[in-house]
């Protein structure tokens, strides 16, 4: 199923520590750990977050062809014909497997794409060059929960120094990198009070100020949160659209007649951030229609659907696939 995750884990992760380890050692370690805990368990399948989400959603809806993870980080999986990938991508498999397989699930790790493709700001560039691993996950830096708060924090820091935000005094706690939780951005975007009092209370509890922020300060924070999150949603839609285009080319499909597909979604940002999924869906609809596709509905388009507890259910579906050779 999919690219050889088992081989990736056993030959990749363990090779970092013990070069002499081989694939079989992974199962041996698993058996030892199970024996030590006296559990009647055996390993049947290994799936990661994105493939588990795709399997989980596909079990409920057979039009599912992709999965999206967007929480602290991001990832995606896609159902593609085997001919879309070089044979070397499948590792060591018997010829009988290649004779029978026509499609695979591909864990894309699309967080690592996007460098020099999507426009960035000076705050994005600063985040990247000061990151522990610069350029490693450029797409993730622009859209995921770990980084949305940091981008806003950098903007607030500059505004405090250059435009007198917070009366020129940044909360001391926000001088530390990655100390502005994306949940606070969500609180500002969802606040329905006329003076933003709900969000203000949450913000000041996490980041005390010597004097209460003015309404102009709070409004600025809300507007910046809105701009950063909506840009992230638009960029995410762009990434999804690129994968959809790849799938259509690989399958020999045309936008107007490709039919309707679902994308299983999981993660705190795509599930819980106010209007994030809806905004992403709206931009995705526009991109598909611009390519000549129909309006989203039963006859066409792409729908972003939540896949609850997909890590658990997806693993269960994977085991069933192994047992029934599906």
C-alpha atoms as a PDB file:
ATOM      1  CA  UNK A   1       0.000   0.000   0.000  1.00  0.00           C
ATOM      2  CA  UNK A   2       1.439   3.321  -1.052  1.00  0.00           C
ATOM      3  CA  UNK A   3       5.145   3.968  -0.969  1.00  0.00           C
ATOM      4  CA  UNK A   4       7.001   1.545   1.249  1.00  0.00           C
ATOM      5  CA  UNK A   5       6.532   3.187   4.643  1.00  0.00           C
ATOM      6  CA  UNK A   6       7.744   0.089   6.422  1.00  0.00           C
ATOM      7  CA  UNK A   7      11.009   0.224   4.520  1.00  0.00           C
ATOM      8  CA  UNK A   8      11.251   3.980   5.048  1.00  0.00           C
ATOM      9  CA  UNK A   9      10.967   3.600   8.813  1.00  0.00           C
ATOM     10  CA  UNK A  10      13.180   0.548   9.216  1.00  0.00           C
ATOM     11  CA  UNK A  11      15.850   1.509   6.707  1.00  0.00           C
ATOM     12  CA  UNK A  12      15.722   5.230   7.410  1.00  0.00           C
ATOM     13  CA  UNK A  13      15.025   5.849  11.076  1.00  0.00           C
ATOM     14  CA  UNK A  14      17.102   2.992  12.428  1.00  0.00           C
ATOM     15  CA  UNK A  15      19.928   3.592   9.973  1.00  0.00           C
ATOM     16  CA  UNK A  16      20.473   6.957  11.607  1.00  0.00           C
ATOM     17  CA  UNK A  17      21.464   5.219  14.828  1.00  0.00           C
ATOM     18  CA  UNK A  18      22.624   1.700  13.894  1.00  0.00           C
ATOM     19  CA  UNK A  19      23.940   1.331  10.340  1.00  0.00           C
ATOM     20  CA  UNK A  20      23.940  -2.468  10.574  1.00  0.00           C
ATOM     21  CA  UNK A  21      20.179  -2.665  11.185  1.00  0.00           C
ATOM     22  CA  UNK A  22      18.040  -4.200   8.471  1.00  0.00           C
ATOM     23  CA  UNK A  23      14.300  -4.090   7.843  1.00  0.00           C
ATOM     24  CA  UNK A  24      13.684  -7.260   9.834  1.00  0.00           C
ATOM     25  CA  UNK A  25      14.981  -5.599  12.977  1.00  0.00           C
ATOM     26  CA  UNK A  26      11.951  -3.328  13.108  1.00  0.00           C
ATOM     27  CA  UNK A  27       9.592  -6.257  13.611  1.00  0.00           C
ATOM     28  CA  UNK A  28      12.002  -7.811  16.093  1.00  0.00           C
ATOM     29  CA  UNK A  29      11.973  -4.629  18.175  1.00  0.00           C
ATOM     30  CA  UNK A  30       8.201  -4.499  17.970  1.00  0.00           C
ATOM     31  CA  UNK A  31       7.910  -8.133  19.138  1.00  0.00           C
ATOM     32  CA  UNK A  32      10.278  -7.531  22.049  1.00  0.00           C
ATOM     33  CA  UNK A  33       8.319  -4.488  23.217  1.00  0.00           C
ATOM     34  CA  UNK A  34       5.042  -6.417  23.021  1.00  0.00           C
ATOM     35  CA  UNK A  35       6.491  -9.373  24.917  1.00  0.00           C
ATOM     36  CA  UNK A  36       7.754  -7.121  27.673  1.00  0.00           C
ATOM     37  CA  UNK A  37       4.257  -5.767  28.229  1.00  0.00           C
ATOM     38  CA  UNK A  38       2.565  -9.172  27.914  1.00  0.00           C
ATOM     39  CA  UNK A  39       0.217  -7.955  25.192  1.00  0.00           C
ATOM     40  CA  UNK A  40      -1.207 -10.229  22.530  1.00  0.00           C
ATOM     41  CA  UNK A  41      -0.386  -7.892  19.642  1.00  0.00           C
ATOM     42  CA  UNK A  42       1.338  -8.245  16.301  1.00  0.00           C
ATOM     43  CA  UNK A  43       2.179  -5.579  13.747  1.00  0.00           C
ATOM     44  CA  UNK A  44       0.234  -5.853  10.492  1.00  0.00           C
ATOM     45  CA  UNK A  45       0.565  -2.409   8.934  1.00  0.00           C
ATOM     46  CA  UNK A  46       2.345   0.904   9.378  1.00  0.00           C
ATOM     47  CA  UNK A  47       0.626   4.076   8.188  1.00  0.00           C
ATOM     48  CA  UNK A  48       1.408   7.724   8.751  1.00  0.00           C
ATOM     49  CA  UNK A  49      -1.034  10.566   9.379  1.00  0.00           C
ATOM     50  CA  UNK A  50      -1.867  11.426   5.790  1.00  0.00           C
ATOM     51  CA  UNK A  51      -2.353   7.887   4.472  1.00  0.00           C
ATOM     52  CA  UNK A  52      -4.368   6.961   7.559  1.00  0.00           C
ATOM     53  CA  UNK A  53      -6.668   9.917   6.936  1.00  0.00           C
ATOM     54  CA  UNK A  54      -7.136   8.961   3.292  1.00  0.00           C
ATOM     55  CA  UNK A  55      -7.974   5.372   4.213  1.00  0.00           C
ATOM     56  CA  UNK A  56     -10.309   6.450   6.992  1.00  0.00           C
ATOM     57  CA  UNK A  57     -12.298   8.805   4.782  1.00  0.00           C
ATOM     58  CA  UNK A  58     -12.261   6.449   1.770  1.00  0.00           C
ATOM     59  CA  UNK A  59     -13.823   3.737   3.923  1.00  0.00           C
ATOM     60  CA  UNK A  60     -16.800   6.057   4.440  1.00  0.00           C
ATOM     61  CA  UNK A  61     -16.860   7.581   0.958  1.00  0.00           C
ATOM     62  CA  UNK A  62     -15.382   5.829  -2.063  1.00  0.00           C
ATOM     63  CA  UNK A  63     -14.978   9.098  -3.969  1.00  0.00           C
ATOM     64  CA  UNK A  64     -12.125  10.059  -1.613  1.00  0.00           C
ATOM     65  CA  UNK A  65      -8.861  10.438  -3.525  1.00  0.00           C
ATOM     66  CA  UNK A  66      -6.780  12.652  -1.247  1.00  0.00           C
ATOM     67  CA  UNK A  67      -6.156  13.479   2.399  1.00  0.00           C
ATOM     68  CA  UNK A  68      -4.956  16.607   4.113  1.00  0.00           C
ATOM     69  CA  UNK A  69      -3.343  17.133   7.504  1.00  0.00           C
ATOM     70  CA  UNK A  70      -3.218  20.676   8.846  1.00  0.00           C
ATOM     71  CA  UNK A  71      -2.543  21.220  12.517  1.00  0.00           C
ATOM     72  CA  UNK A  72       0.802  22.007  14.075  1.00  0.00           C
ATOM     73  CA  UNK A  73       2.296  20.769  10.792  1.00  0.00           C
ATOM     74  CA  UNK A  74       0.945  19.781   7.403  1.00  0.00           C
ATOM     75  CA  UNK A  75       0.989  16.839   5.025  1.00  0.00           C
ATOM     76  CA  UNK A  76      -1.084  15.292   2.262  1.00  0.00           C
ATOM     77  CA  UNK A  77      -1.642  11.915   0.651  1.00  0.00           C
ATOM     78  CA  UNK A  78      -3.031  11.145  -2.782  1.00  0.00           C
ATOM     79  CA  UNK A  79      -4.330   8.125  -4.702  1.00  0.00           C
ATOM     80  CA  UNK A  80      -2.368   7.838  -7.971  1.00  0.00           C
ATOM     81  CA  UNK A  81      -1.870   5.299 -10.739  1.00  0.00           C
ATOM     82  CA  UNK A  82       1.361   3.347 -10.361  1.00  0.00           C
ATOM     83  CA  UNK A  83       2.548   4.565 -13.747  1.00  0.00           C
ATOM     84  CA  UNK A  84       2.739   8.102 -12.335  1.00  0.00           C
ATOM     85  CA  UNK A  85       5.787   7.055 -10.297  1.00  0.00           C
ATOM     86  CA  UNK A  86       9.166   5.705 -11.264  1.00  0.00           C
ATOM     87  CA  UNK A  87       9.552   2.016 -10.501  1.00  0.00           C
ATOM     88  CA  UNK A  88      12.423   2.783  -8.104  1.00  0.00           C
ATOM     89  CA  UNK A  89       9.941   4.578  -5.822  1.00  0.00           C
ATOM     90  CA  UNK A  90       8.340   1.254  -4.896  1.00  0.00           C
ATOM     91  CA  UNK A  91      11.486  -0.283  -3.454  1.00  0.00           C
ATOM     92  CA  UNK A  92      12.049  -4.013  -3.674  1.00  0.00           C
ATOM     93  CA  UNK A  93       8.781  -5.703  -4.611  1.00  0.00           C
ATOM     94  CA  UNK A  94       8.115  -8.949  -6.517  1.00  0.00           C
ATOM     95  CA  UNK A  95       7.130  -8.745 -10.171  1.00  0.00           C
ATOM     96  CA  UNK A  96       3.754 -10.212  -9.219  1.00  0.00           C
ATOM     97  CA  UNK A  97       3.018  -7.056  -7.209  1.00  0.00           C
ATOM     98  CA  UNK A  98       3.828  -4.821 -10.183  1.00  0.00           C
ATOM     99  CA  UNK A  99       1.676  -7.013 -12.436  1.00  0.00           C
ATOM    100  CA  UNK A 100      -1.370  -6.596 -10.189  1.00  0.00           C
ATOM    101  CA  UNK A 101      -1.043  -3.077  -8.745  1.00  0.00           C
ATOM    102  CA  UNK A 102      -2.645  -0.254 -10.692  1.00  0.00           C
ATOM    103  CA  UNK A 103      -2.912   2.450  -7.995  1.00  0.00           C
ATOM    104  CA  UNK A 104      -1.038   3.381  -4.818  1.00  0.00           C
ATOM    105  CA  UNK A 105      -1.415   5.787  -1.935  1.00  0.00           C
ATOM    106  CA  UNK A 106       1.372   8.355  -2.014  1.00  0.00           C
ATOM    107  CA  UNK A 107       2.469  10.163   1.127  1.00  0.00           C
ATOM    108  CA  UNK A 108       3.504  13.447  -0.477  1.00  0.00           C
ATOM    109  CA  UNK A 109       5.237  15.241   2.418  1.00  0.00           C
ATOM    110  CA  UNK A 110       4.213  18.388   0.577  1.00  0.00           C
ATOM    111  CA  UNK A 111       5.338  20.542   3.481  1.00  0.00           C
ATOM    112  CA  UNK A 112       8.812  20.540   1.901  1.00  0.00           C
ATOM    113  CA  UNK A 113       7.643  22.112  -1.375  1.00  0.00           C
ATOM    114  CA  UNK A 114       6.991  25.749  -2.284  1.00  0.00           C
ATOM    115  CA  UNK A 115      10.440  27.348  -2.116  1.00  0.00           C
ATOM    116  CA  UNK A 116      10.681  30.250  -4.589  1.00  0.00           C
ATOM    117  CA  UNK A 117       7.180  29.467  -5.865  1.00  0.00           C
ATOM    118  CA  UNK A 118       4.820  31.246  -3.468  1.00  0.00           C
ATOM    119  CA  UNK A 119       5.317  34.941  -2.632  1.00  0.00           C
ATOM    120  CA  UNK A 120       6.749  35.638   0.823  1.00  0.00           C
ATOM    121  CA  UNK A 121       7.102  38.699   3.026  1.00  0.00           C
ATOM    122  CA  UNK A 122      10.054  39.948   5.042  1.00  0.00           C
ATOM    123  CA  UNK A 123       8.535  38.288   8.108  1.00  0.00           C
ATOM    124  CA  UNK A 124       8.362  34.937   6.314  1.00  0.00           C
ATOM    125  CA  UNK A 125      11.957  35.338   5.198  1.00  0.00           C
ATOM    126  CA  UNK A 126      13.114  36.198   8.714  1.00  0.00           C
ATOM    127  CA  UNK A 127      11.268  33.180  10.127  1.00  0.00           C
ATOM    128  CA  UNK A 128      13.006  30.973   7.574  1.00  0.00           C
ATOM    129  CA  UNK A 129      16.580  32.207   8.053  1.00  0.00           C
ATOM    130  CA  UNK A 130      16.315  31.997  11.852  1.00  0.00           C
ATOM    131  CA  UNK A 131      14.729  28.539  11.762  1.00  0.00           C
ATOM    132  CA  UNK A 132      16.650  25.517  13.024  1.00  0.00           C
ATOM    133  CA  UNK A 133      16.264  23.995   9.543  1.00  0.00           C
ATOM    134  CA  UNK A 134      16.040  26.839   6.984  1.00  0.00           C
ATOM    135  CA  UNK A 135      14.338  25.989   3.687  1.00  0.00           C
ATOM    136  CA  UNK A 136      13.451  22.491   4.865  1.00  0.00           C
ATOM    137  CA  UNK A 137       9.648  22.923   4.971  1.00  0.00           C
ATOM    138  CA  UNK A 138       8.831  26.201   3.197  1.00  0.00           C
ATOM    139  CA  UNK A 139       5.176  25.340   2.573  1.00  0.00           C
ATOM    140  CA  UNK A 140       4.612  24.370   6.188  1.00  0.00           C
ATOM    141  CA  UNK A 141       6.127  27.687   7.316  1.00  0.00           C
ATOM    142  CA  UNK A 142       3.388  29.527   5.432  1.00  0.00           C
ATOM    143  CA  UNK A 143       0.282  27.580   6.412  1.00  0.00           C
ATOM    144  CA  UNK A 144       0.578  25.456   9.551  1.00  0.00           C
ATOM    145  CA  UNK A 145      -0.436  26.116  13.124  1.00  0.00           C
ATOM    146  CA  UNK A 146       3.104  26.189  14.478  1.00  0.00           C
ATOM    147  CA  UNK A 147       4.008  29.138  12.269  1.00  0.00           C
ATOM    148  CA  UNK A 148       0.881  31.286  11.862  1.00  0.00           C
ATOM    149  CA  UNK A 149       1.272  32.645  15.386  1.00  0.00           C
ATOM    150  CA  UNK A 150       4.980  33.270  14.862  1.00  0.00           C
ATOM    151  CA  UNK A 151       4.380  35.255  11.666  1.00  0.00           C
ATOM    152  CA  UNK A 152       1.871  37.438  13.505  1.00  0.00           C
ATOM    153  CA  UNK A 153       4.279  37.820  16.438  1.00  0.00           C
ATOM    154  CA  UNK A 154       6.991  39.132  14.117  1.00  0.00           C
ATOM    155  CA  UNK A 155       4.557  41.636  12.611  1.00  0.00           C
ATOM    156  CA  UNK A 156       3.480  42.800  16.075  1.00  0.00           C
ATOM    157  CA  UNK A 157       7.100  43.203  17.128  1.00  0.00           C
ATOM    158  CA  UNK A 158       7.854  45.449  14.158  1.00  0.00           C
ATOM    159  CA  UNK A 159       4.631  47.422  14.647  1.00  0.00           C
ATOM    160  CA  UNK A 160       5.484  48.000  18.308  1.00  0.00           C
ATOM    161  CA  UNK A 161       8.921  49.311  17.406  1.00  0.00           C
ATOM    162  CA  UNK A 162       7.949  51.379  14.371  1.00  0.00           C
ATOM    163  CA  UNK A 163       4.297  52.367  14.776  1.00  0.00           C
ATOM    164  CA  UNK A 164       3.684  52.548  18.529  1.00  0.00           C
ATOM    165  CA  UNK A 165       1.538  49.428  18.832  1.00  0.00           C
ATOM    166  CA  UNK A 166       0.815  48.648  22.499  1.00  0.00           C
ATOM    167  CA  UNK A 167       2.057  52.165  23.265  1.00  0.00           C
ATOM    168  CA  UNK A 168       5.489  51.083  22.084  1.00  0.00           C
ATOM    169  CA  UNK A 169       5.868  48.303  24.670  1.00  0.00           C
ATOM    170  CA  UNK A 170       5.724  44.717  23.447  1.00  0.00           C
ATOM    171  CA  UNK A 171       4.547  42.212  26.083  1.00  0.00           C
ATOM    172  CA  UNK A 172       7.723  40.697  27.497  1.00  0.00           C
ATOM    173  CA  UNK A 173       6.478  37.168  26.859  1.00  0.00           C
ATOM    174  CA  UNK A 174       6.124  37.951  23.143  1.00  0.00           C
ATOM    175  CA  UNK A 175       9.799  38.789  22.825  1.00  0.00           C
ATOM    176  CA  UNK A 176      10.388  35.042  22.831  1.00  0.00           C
ATOM    177  CA  UNK A 177      10.091  33.311  19.442  1.00  0.00           C
ATOM    178  CA  UNK A 178       7.074  31.034  18.920  1.00  0.00           C
ATOM    179  CA  UNK A 179       5.366  32.339  22.038  1.00  0.00           C
ATOM    180  CA  UNK A 180       2.186  33.536  20.328  1.00  0.00           C
ATOM    181  CA  UNK A 181      -0.161  30.588  20.080  1.00  0.00           C
ATOM    182  CA  UNK A 182      -2.227  30.336  16.911  1.00  0.00           C
ATOM    183  CA  UNK A 183      -5.243  29.747  19.160  1.00  0.00           C
ATOM    184  CA  UNK A 184      -5.077  33.416  20.164  1.00  0.00           C
ATOM    185  CA  UNK A 185      -5.325  34.425  16.517  1.00  0.00           C
ATOM    186  CA  UNK A 186      -8.402  32.229  16.263  1.00  0.00           C
ATOM    187  CA  UNK A 187      -9.873  33.922  19.336  1.00  0.00           C
ATOM    188  CA  UNK A 188      -9.558  37.339  17.692  1.00  0.00           C
ATOM    189  CA  UNK A 189     -11.128  36.164  14.443  1.00  0.00           C
ATOM    190  CA  UNK A 190     -14.054  34.539  16.227  1.00  0.00           C
ATOM    191  CA  UNK A 191     -14.725  37.364  18.727  1.00  0.00           C
ATOM    192  CA  UNK A 192     -18.209  38.772  18.093  1.00  0.00           C
ATOM    193  CA  UNK A 193     -18.118  41.484  20.778  1.00  0.00           C
ATOM    194  CA  UNK A 194     -18.070  45.111  19.580  1.00  0.00           C
ATOM    195  CA  UNK A 195     -14.924  45.926  21.565  1.00  0.00           C
ATOM    196  CA  UNK A 196     -13.135  42.584  21.095  1.00  0.00           C
ATOM    197  CA  UNK A 197     -13.328  42.084  24.855  1.00  0.00           C
ATOM    198  CA  UNK A 198     -13.359  38.271  24.698  1.00  0.00           C
ATOM    199  CA  UNK A 199     -10.162  38.092  22.648  1.00  0.00           C
ATOM    200  CA  UNK A 200      -8.572  40.874  24.699  1.00  0.00           C
ATOM    201  CA  UNK A 201      -9.089  38.891  27.890  1.00  0.00           C
ATOM    202  CA  UNK A 202      -7.509  35.781  26.376  1.00  0.00           C
ATOM    203  CA  UNK A 203      -4.598  37.771  24.965  1.00  0.00           C
ATOM    204  CA  UNK A 204      -3.839  39.651  28.185  1.00  0.00           C
ATOM    205  CA  UNK A 205      -4.052  36.493  30.275  1.00  0.00           C
ATOM    206  CA  UNK A 206      -1.385  34.884  28.101  1.00  0.00           C
ATOM    207  CA  UNK A 207       0.649  38.063  27.517  1.00  0.00           C
ATOM    208  CA  UNK A 208       0.172  40.651  30.285  1.00  0.00           C
ATOM    209  CA  UNK A 209       0.712  44.326  29.521  1.00  0.00           C
ATOM    210  CA  UNK A 210       1.444  47.137  31.968  1.00  0.00           C
ATOM    211  CA  UNK A 211      -1.470  49.052  30.448  1.00  0.00           C
ATOM    212  CA  UNK A 212      -4.466  47.532  28.724  1.00  0.00           C
ATOM    213  CA  UNK A 213      -4.279  47.490  24.921  1.00  0.00           C
ATOM    214  CA  UNK A 214      -6.374  50.051  23.134  1.00  0.00           C
ATOM    215  CA  UNK A 215      -9.186  49.134  20.790  1.00  0.00           C
ATOM    216  CA  UNK A 216      -6.924  50.192  17.907  1.00  0.00           C
ATOM    217  CA  UNK A 217      -4.288  47.731  19.149  1.00  0.00           C
ATOM    218  CA  UNK A 218      -6.815  44.934  19.358  1.00  0.00           C
ATOM    219  CA  UNK A 219      -8.289  45.757  15.959  1.00  0.00           C
ATOM    220  CA  UNK A 220      -4.812  45.717  14.412  1.00  0.00           C
ATOM    221  CA  UNK A 221      -4.126  42.309  15.932  1.00  0.00           C
ATOM    222  CA  UNK A 222      -7.403  41.014  14.577  1.00  0.00           C
ATOM    223  CA  UNK A 223      -6.771  42.382  11.087  1.00  0.00           C
ATOM    224  CA  UNK A 224      -3.264  40.937  10.956  1.00  0.00           C
ATOM    225  CA  UNK A 225      -4.564  37.561  12.169  1.00  0.00           C
ATOM    226  CA  UNK A 226      -7.205  37.646   9.448  1.00  0.00           C
ATOM    227  CA  UNK A 227      -4.700  38.472   6.714  1.00  0.00           C
ATOM    228  CA  UNK A 228      -2.187  35.825   7.790  1.00  0.00           C
ATOM    229  CA  UNK A 229      -4.778  33.065   8.180  1.00  0.00           C
ATOM    230  CA  UNK A 230      -6.566  33.891   4.924  1.00  0.00           C
ATOM    231  CA  UNK A 231      -3.284  33.937   3.031  1.00  0.00           C
ATOM    232  CA  UNK A 232      -2.522  30.528   4.550  1.00  0.00           C
ATOM    233  CA  UNK A 233      -5.907  29.217   3.417  1.00  0.00           C
ATOM    234  CA  UNK A 234      -5.326  30.520  -0.114  1.00  0.00           C
ATOM    235  CA  UNK A 235      -1.845  28.979  -0.249  1.00  0.00           C
ATOM    236  CA  UNK A 236      -3.224  25.696   1.046  1.00  0.00           C
ATOM    237  CA  UNK A 237      -5.878  25.724  -1.679  1.00  0.00           C
ATOM    238  CA  UNK A 238      -3.106  26.321  -4.209  1.00  0.00           C
ATOM    239  CA  UNK A 239      -1.202  23.265  -2.948  1.00  0.00           C
ATOM    240  CA  UNK A 240      -4.332  21.104  -3.038  1.00  0.00           C
ATOM    241  CA  UNK A 241      -5.129  22.311  -6.547  1.00  0.00           C
ATOM    242  CA  UNK A 242      -1.616  21.368  -7.684  1.00  0.00           C
ATOM    243  CA  UNK A 243      -2.117  17.822  -6.376  1.00  0.00           C
ATOM    244  CA  UNK A 244      -5.547  17.619  -8.022  1.00  0.00           C
ATOM    245  CA  UNK A 245      -3.990  18.715 -11.319  1.00  0.00           C
ATOM    246  CA  UNK A 246      -1.293  16.063 -10.943  1.00  0.00           C
ATOM    247  CA  UNK A 247      -3.924  13.399 -10.357  1.00  0.00           C
ATOM    248  CA  UNK A 248      -5.984  14.462 -13.389  1.00  0.00           C
ATOM    249  CA  UNK A 249      -2.959  14.395 -15.678  1.00  0.00           C
ATOM    250  CA  UNK A 250      -1.893  11.010 -14.319  1.00  0.00           C
ATOM    251  CA  UNK A 251      -5.380   9.570 -14.824  1.00  0.00           C
ATOM    252  CA  UNK A 252      -5.874  11.198 -18.230  1.00  0.00           C
ATOM    253  CA  UNK A 253      -8.833  13.240 -16.974  1.00  0.00           C
ATOM    254  CA  UNK A 254     -10.134  16.674 -17.958  1.00  0.00           C
ATOM    255  CA  UNK A 255     -11.410  19.234 -15.397  1.00  0.00           C
ATOM    256  CA  UNK A 256     -14.860  19.390 -16.977  1.00  0.00           C
ATOM    257  CA  UNK A 257     -15.404  15.622 -16.810  1.00  0.00           C
ATOM    258  CA  UNK A 258     -13.177  14.533 -13.911  1.00  0.00           C
ATOM    259  CA  UNK A 259     -16.140  13.989 -11.600  1.00  0.00           C
ATOM    260  CA  UNK A 260     -16.488  14.824  -7.942  1.00  0.00           C
ATOM    261  CA  UNK A 261     -13.906  13.786  -5.343  1.00  0.00           C
ATOM    262  CA  UNK A 262     -13.568  14.171  -1.592  1.00  0.00           C
ATOM    263  CA  UNK A 263     -10.491  15.072   0.409  1.00  0.00           C
ATOM    264  CA  UNK A 264     -10.360  13.763   3.970  1.00  0.00           C
ATOM    265  CA  UNK A 265      -9.167  16.469   6.366  1.00  0.00           C
ATOM    266  CA  UNK A 266      -7.712  16.189   9.841  1.00  0.00           C
ATOM    267  CA  UNK A 267      -5.862  18.520  12.191  1.00  0.00           C
ATOM    268  CA  UNK A 268      -6.590  21.332  14.602  1.00  0.00           C
ATOM    269  CA  UNK A 269      -6.266  24.203  12.104  1.00  0.00           C
ATOM    270  CA  UNK A 270      -8.374  22.750   9.292  1.00  0.00           C
ATOM    271  CA  UNK A 271     -10.948  21.469  11.779  1.00  0.00           C
ATOM    272  CA  UNK A 272     -11.167  24.237  14.374  1.00  0.00           C
ATOM    273  CA  UNK A 273      -9.691  27.541  13.165  1.00  0.00           C
ATOM    274  CA  UNK A 274     -12.647  29.858  12.430  1.00  0.00           C
ATOM    275  CA  UNK A 275     -13.664  29.697   8.754  1.00  0.00           C
ATOM    276  CA  UNK A 276     -10.306  28.254   7.665  1.00  0.00           C
ATOM    277  CA  UNK A 277     -11.726  25.232   5.873  1.00  0.00           C
ATOM    278  CA  UNK A 278     -14.494  27.315   4.331  1.00  0.00           C
ATOM    279  CA  UNK A 279     -11.994  29.889   3.055  1.00  0.00           C
ATOM    280  CA  UNK A 280      -9.757  27.169   1.644  1.00  0.00           C
ATOM    281  CA  UNK A 281     -12.767  25.545  -0.001  1.00  0.00           C
ATOM    282  CA  UNK A 282     -13.813  28.823  -1.595  1.00  0.00           C
ATOM    283  CA  UNK A 283     -10.400  29.479  -3.135  1.00  0.00           C
ATOM    284  CA  UNK A 284     -10.134  25.863  -4.291  1.00  0.00           C
ATOM    285  CA  UNK A 285     -13.537  26.137  -5.985  1.00  0.00           C
ATOM    286  CA  UNK A 286     -12.356  29.238  -7.842  1.00  0.00           C
ATOM    287  CA  UNK A 287      -9.163  27.558  -9.026  1.00  0.00           C
ATOM    288  CA  UNK A 288     -11.009  24.475 -10.286  1.00  0.00           C
ATOM    289  CA  UNK A 289     -13.648  26.540 -12.081  1.00  0.00           C
ATOM    290  CA  UNK A 290     -10.923  28.696 -13.641  1.00  0.00           C
ATOM    291  CA  UNK A 291      -9.448  25.517 -15.117  1.00  0.00           C
ATOM    292  CA  UNK A 292     -12.764  24.671 -16.746  1.00  0.00           C
ATOM    293  CA  UNK A 293     -14.165  22.462 -14.018  1.00  0.00           C
ATOM    294  CA  UNK A 294     -17.819  22.567 -12.930  1.00  0.00           C
ATOM    295  CA  UNK A 295     -19.183  24.130  -9.798  1.00  0.00           C
ATOM    296  CA  UNK A 296     -18.751  21.888  -6.799  1.00  0.00           C
ATOM    297  CA  UNK A 297     -21.524  19.319  -6.507  1.00  0.00           C
ATOM    298  CA  UNK A 298     -22.243  15.663  -7.042  1.00  0.00           C
ATOM    299  CA  UNK A 299     -21.114  15.874 -10.686  1.00  0.00           C
ATOM    300  CA  UNK A 300     -17.815  17.641 -10.151  1.00  0.00           C
ATOM    301  CA  UNK A 301     -15.461  19.649  -7.985  1.00  0.00           C
ATOM    302  CA  UNK A 302     -13.487  18.829  -4.874  1.00  0.00           C
ATOM    303  CA  UNK A 303     -14.920  18.810  -1.343  1.00  0.00           C
ATOM    304  CA  UNK A 304     -12.908  19.163   1.858  1.00  0.00           C
ATOM    305  CA  UNK A 305     -14.495  16.791   4.379  1.00  0.00           C
ATOM    306  CA  UNK A 306     -13.497  16.246   8.010  1.00  0.00           C
ATOM    307  CA  UNK A 307     -12.163  12.772   8.871  1.00  0.00           C
ATOM    308  CA  UNK A 308     -12.584  12.431  12.614  1.00  0.00           C
ATOM    309  CA  UNK A 309     -10.112  10.262  14.580  1.00  0.00           C
ATOM    310  CA  UNK A 310      -8.579   9.264  11.271  1.00  0.00           C
ATOM    311  CA  UNK A 311      -5.262   8.092  12.727  1.00  0.00           C
ATOM    312  CA  UNK A 312      -7.059   5.306  14.605  1.00  0.00           C
ATOM    313  CA  UNK A 313      -9.643   4.407  11.982  1.00  0.00           C
ATOM    314  CA  UNK A 314      -7.157   4.661   9.140  1.00  0.00           C
ATOM    315  CA  UNK A 315      -4.821   2.189  10.821  1.00  0.00           C
ATOM    316  CA  UNK A 316      -7.747  -0.208  11.279  1.00  0.00           C
ATOM    317  CA  UNK A 317      -8.664   0.068   7.594  1.00  0.00           C
ATOM    318  CA  UNK A 318      -5.026  -0.565   6.636  1.00  0.00           C
ATOM    319  CA  UNK A 319      -4.998  -3.804   8.658  1.00  0.00           C
ATOM    320  CA  UNK A 320      -8.219  -4.915   6.975  1.00  0.00           C
ATOM    321  CA  UNK A 321      -6.648  -4.221   3.598  1.00  0.00           C
ATOM    322  CA  UNK A 322      -3.677  -6.411   4.521  1.00  0.00           C
ATOM    323  CA  UNK A 323      -5.897  -9.224   5.755  1.00  0.00           C
ATOM    324  CA  UNK A 324      -8.163  -9.160   2.713  1.00  0.00           C
ATOM    325  CA  UNK A 325      -5.415  -8.288   0.179  1.00  0.00           C
ATOM    326  CA  UNK A 326      -7.430  -5.387  -1.150  1.00  0.00           C
END
